[in-house]
Amino acid sequence: MSDLAYIGLGGNVGDVAATFGRAAAGLAALPGVAGVRLSSLWETAPVGPVREQPAFLNAAAELSFSRAPAPVDLLRALLDIERRLGRDRSREVPGGPRAIDLDFLLWGDRVVDEPELRLPHPRLHARAFALAPLVELAPHATIPGAGRAAALLVRLGDQRIRKITGSGSA
């Protein structure tokens, strides 16, 4: 089982790149996290019911661990980072604009089906904006129950996505 977890980052309000930097710093400061690697930034069209909004920036973060938390504890930490960065899910329109979104995408071959968390992310296989940054960081990643991430990304060629920056680390 892999000790690498993958988190999707998204946002389209404010200085999203700076917010991603603060999110990456928050990830790096979590107990047990040994390192964070970030993908490039990707620009994508909004997905969902709210089409009239700015394009999104998306990225992925790869977390390595010295001491891995329970998956649900990592999810709770992601939600806490979102709150600290100003996200209030109770005031948002689903699929609407937001400064930050942290999605727990994948953790090796782990499959989790709990009320609070499902891994791999249930829509990962159908979202180019999540798969492209993931494949950049982990070209050979396999999504349990769906197949190789790179092959899934190829099938989504009709989804508009554009790489806009190189990768970095936190």
Protein backbone atom coordinates (compact mmCIF):
# COMPACT_ATOMS: atom_id res chain seq x y z
CA MET A 1 0.00 0.00 0.00
CA SER A 2 1.37 3.39 -1.01
CA ASP A 3 2.28 5.95 1.60
CA LEU A 4 1.47 8.76 -0.88
CA ALA A 5 -1.86 10.56 -0.75
CA TYR A 6 -3.11 12.91 -3.47
CA ILE A 7 -5.16 16.02 -2.85
CA GLY A 8 -6.87 18.09 -5.54
CA LEU A 9 -6.79 21.88 -5.20
CA GLY A 10 -9.25 24.15 -6.97
CA GLY A 11 -10.45 27.71 -6.84
CA ASN A 12 -11.58 30.67 -8.93
CA VAL A 13 -11.98 33.59 -6.48
CA GLY A 14 -9.19 35.98 -5.48
CA ASP A 15 -5.48 35.23 -5.88
CA VAL A 16 -5.93 31.50 -6.30
CA ALA A 17 -2.24 30.74 -6.82
CA ALA A 18 -1.39 32.47 -3.53
CA THR A 19 -4.22 30.61 -1.79
CA PHE A 20 -2.82 27.34 -3.15
CA GLY A 21 0.55 28.29 -1.67
CA ARG A 22 -1.04 28.83 1.73
CA ALA A 23 -2.94 25.53 1.39
CA ALA A 24 0.31 23.71 0.54
CA ALA A 25 1.97 25.24 3.60
CA GLY A 26 -0.98 24.04 5.69
CA LEU A 27 -0.62 20.55 4.25
CA ALA A 28 3.13 20.51 4.93
CA ALA A 29 2.48 21.51 8.57
CA LEU A 30 0.08 18.62 9.27
CA PRO A 31 1.33 16.10 11.86
CA GLY A 32 3.04 13.16 10.17
CA VAL A 33 3.48 14.85 6.77
CA ALA A 34 7.09 14.43 5.62
CA GLY A 35 6.78 16.25 2.30
CA VAL A 36 4.47 17.95 -0.18
CA ARG A 37 4.98 18.05 -3.93
CA LEU A 38 2.76 20.28 -6.08
CA SER A 39 1.75 19.88 -9.69
CA SER A 40 1.63 22.67 -12.21
CA LEU A 41 -1.37 24.96 -12.26
CA TRP A 42 -4.07 24.03 -14.74
CA GLU A 43 -6.83 26.32 -16.01
CA THR A 44 -10.20 24.67 -16.49
CA ALA A 45 -13.75 25.62 -17.34
CA PRO A 46 -16.32 25.43 -14.54
CA VAL A 47 -18.03 22.05 -14.14
CA GLY A 48 -21.54 21.78 -12.80
CA PRO A 49 -24.67 23.87 -12.70
CA VAL A 50 -23.05 27.34 -12.36
CA ARG A 51 -21.52 28.03 -15.78
CA GLU A 52 -21.34 31.84 -15.54
CA GLN A 53 -18.25 32.18 -13.34
CA PRO A 54 -14.51 32.63 -13.84
CA ALA A 55 -12.35 29.74 -15.01
CA PHE A 56 -10.87 27.61 -12.26
CA LEU A 57 -7.27 26.99 -11.41
CA ASN A 58 -6.57 23.41 -10.39
CA ALA A 59 -3.54 21.56 -9.09
CA ALA A 60 -2.70 18.43 -7.15
CA ALA A 61 -0.58 17.90 -4.08
CA GLU A 62 1.27 14.68 -3.28
CA LEU A 63 1.69 14.08 0.43
CA SER A 64 4.32 11.73 1.81
CA PHE A 65 4.21 10.71 5.44
CA SER A 66 6.57 9.91 8.26
CA ARG A 67 3.52 8.79 10.24
CA ALA A 68 0.31 8.40 8.27
CA PRO A 69 -2.99 9.52 9.81
CA ALA A 70 -6.25 7.66 9.41
CA PRO A 71 -7.85 8.66 6.09
CA VAL A 72 -10.85 10.32 7.77
CA ASP A 73 -8.50 12.34 9.99
CA LEU A 74 -6.70 13.59 6.89
CA LEU A 75 -10.05 14.58 5.36
CA ARG A 76 -10.95 16.53 8.52
CA ALA A 77 -7.58 18.29 8.36
CA LEU A 78 -8.27 19.27 4.72
CA LEU A 79 -11.64 20.76 5.69
CA ASP A 80 -9.95 22.65 8.53
CA ILE A 81 -7.37 24.11 6.11
CA GLU A 82 -10.21 25.22 3.83
CA ARG A 83 -11.95 26.96 6.77
CA ARG A 84 -8.73 28.69 7.83
CA LEU A 85 -8.37 29.97 4.25
CA GLY A 86 -11.86 31.47 4.35
CA ARG A 87 -14.07 28.81 2.83
CA ASP A 88 -17.58 28.59 4.27
CA ARG A 89 -19.30 25.65 2.56
CA SER A 90 -22.63 26.55 4.20
CA ARG A 91 -22.76 29.84 2.26
CA GLU A 92 -21.72 28.49 -1.14
CA VAL A 93 -23.81 27.57 -4.12
CA PRO A 94 -22.85 23.97 -4.99
CA GLY A 95 -20.58 24.07 -8.04
CA GLY A 96 -20.25 27.83 -7.68
CA PRO A 97 -17.29 30.15 -7.20
CA ARG A 98 -14.88 29.54 -4.33
CA ALA A 99 -11.43 30.59 -3.21
CA ILE A 100 -10.28 27.08 -2.28
CA ASP A 101 -11.45 23.51 -2.58
CA LEU A 102 -9.37 20.63 -1.25
CA ASP A 103 -10.53 17.23 -2.48
CA PHE A 104 -9.06 14.00 -1.13
CA LEU A 105 -8.49 12.18 -4.43
CA LEU A 106 -6.50 9.04 -3.87
CA TRP A 107 -4.30 7.21 -1.38
CA GLY A 108 -2.52 4.37 -3.14
CA ASP A 109 -4.81 1.38 -3.54
CA ARG A 110 -6.92 2.21 -0.48
CA VAL A 111 -10.67 1.97 -0.89
CA VAL A 112 -12.71 3.73 1.78
CA ASP A 113 -16.50 3.83 1.83
CA GLU A 114 -17.61 5.64 4.96
CA PRO A 115 -20.34 8.24 5.45
CA GLU A 116 -17.75 11.00 5.73
CA LEU A 117 -15.24 9.81 3.11
CA ARG A 118 -15.07 7.82 -0.09
CA LEU A 119 -11.70 6.90 -1.63
CA PRO A 120 -10.83 7.07 -4.37
CA HIS A 121 -12.81 10.27 -4.92
CA PRO A 122 -16.06 9.08 -6.52
CA ARG A 123 -15.82 11.42 -9.55
CA LEU A 124 -12.04 11.41 -10.03
CA HIS A 125 -12.19 9.10 -13.06
CA ALA A 126 -14.48 11.54 -14.93
CA ARG A 127 -12.74 14.87 -14.25
CA ALA A 128 -9.85 16.00 -16.41
CA PHE A 129 -9.23 18.93 -14.04
CA ALA A 130 -8.38 16.43 -11.29
CA LEU A 131 -6.72 13.74 -13.41
CA ALA A 132 -4.28 15.97 -15.35
CA PRO A 133 -2.47 17.31 -12.25
CA LEU A 134 -2.59 13.83 -10.66
CA VAL A 135 -1.02 12.22 -13.74
CA GLU A 136 1.64 14.93 -13.79
CA LEU A 137 2.70 13.96 -10.25
CA ALA A 138 2.06 10.20 -10.54
CA PRO A 139 2.17 9.12 -14.20
CA HIS A 140 1.60 5.46 -13.31
CA ALA A 141 -1.20 6.02 -10.78
CA THR A 142 -4.04 3.53 -10.84
CA ILE A 143 -7.47 4.39 -9.53
CA PRO A 144 -8.97 1.37 -7.77
CA GLY A 145 -12.04 0.20 -9.65
CA ALA A 146 -11.45 2.51 -12.62
CA GLY A 147 -7.99 1.84 -14.11
CA ARG A 148 -4.87 3.81 -14.94
CA ALA A 149 -5.30 7.52 -14.43
CA ALA A 150 -3.40 8.41 -17.62
CA ALA A 151 -5.68 6.22 -19.76
CA LEU A 152 -8.76 7.72 -18.12
CA LEU A 153 -7.47 11.22 -18.83
CA VAL A 154 -7.04 10.42 -22.54
CA ARG A 155 -10.73 9.46 -22.70
CA LEU A 156 -11.67 12.91 -21.38
CA GLY A 157 -10.05 14.82 -24.24
CA ASP A 158 -13.21 16.86 -24.80
CA GLN A 159 -12.88 18.58 -21.39
CA ARG A 160 -11.12 21.94 -21.75
CA ILE A 161 -7.98 22.09 -19.59
CA ARG A 162 -4.75 24.02 -20.08
CA LYS A 163 -1.45 23.80 -18.19
CA ILE A 164 -0.36 27.31 -17.23
CA THR A 165 2.68 26.95 -14.93
CA GLY A 166 5.46 24.56 -13.99
CA SER A 167 5.42 22.49 -10.82
CA GLY A 168 6.78 23.33 -7.40
CA SER A 169 7.23 22.03 -3.88
CA ALA A 170 6.11 23.17 -0.46
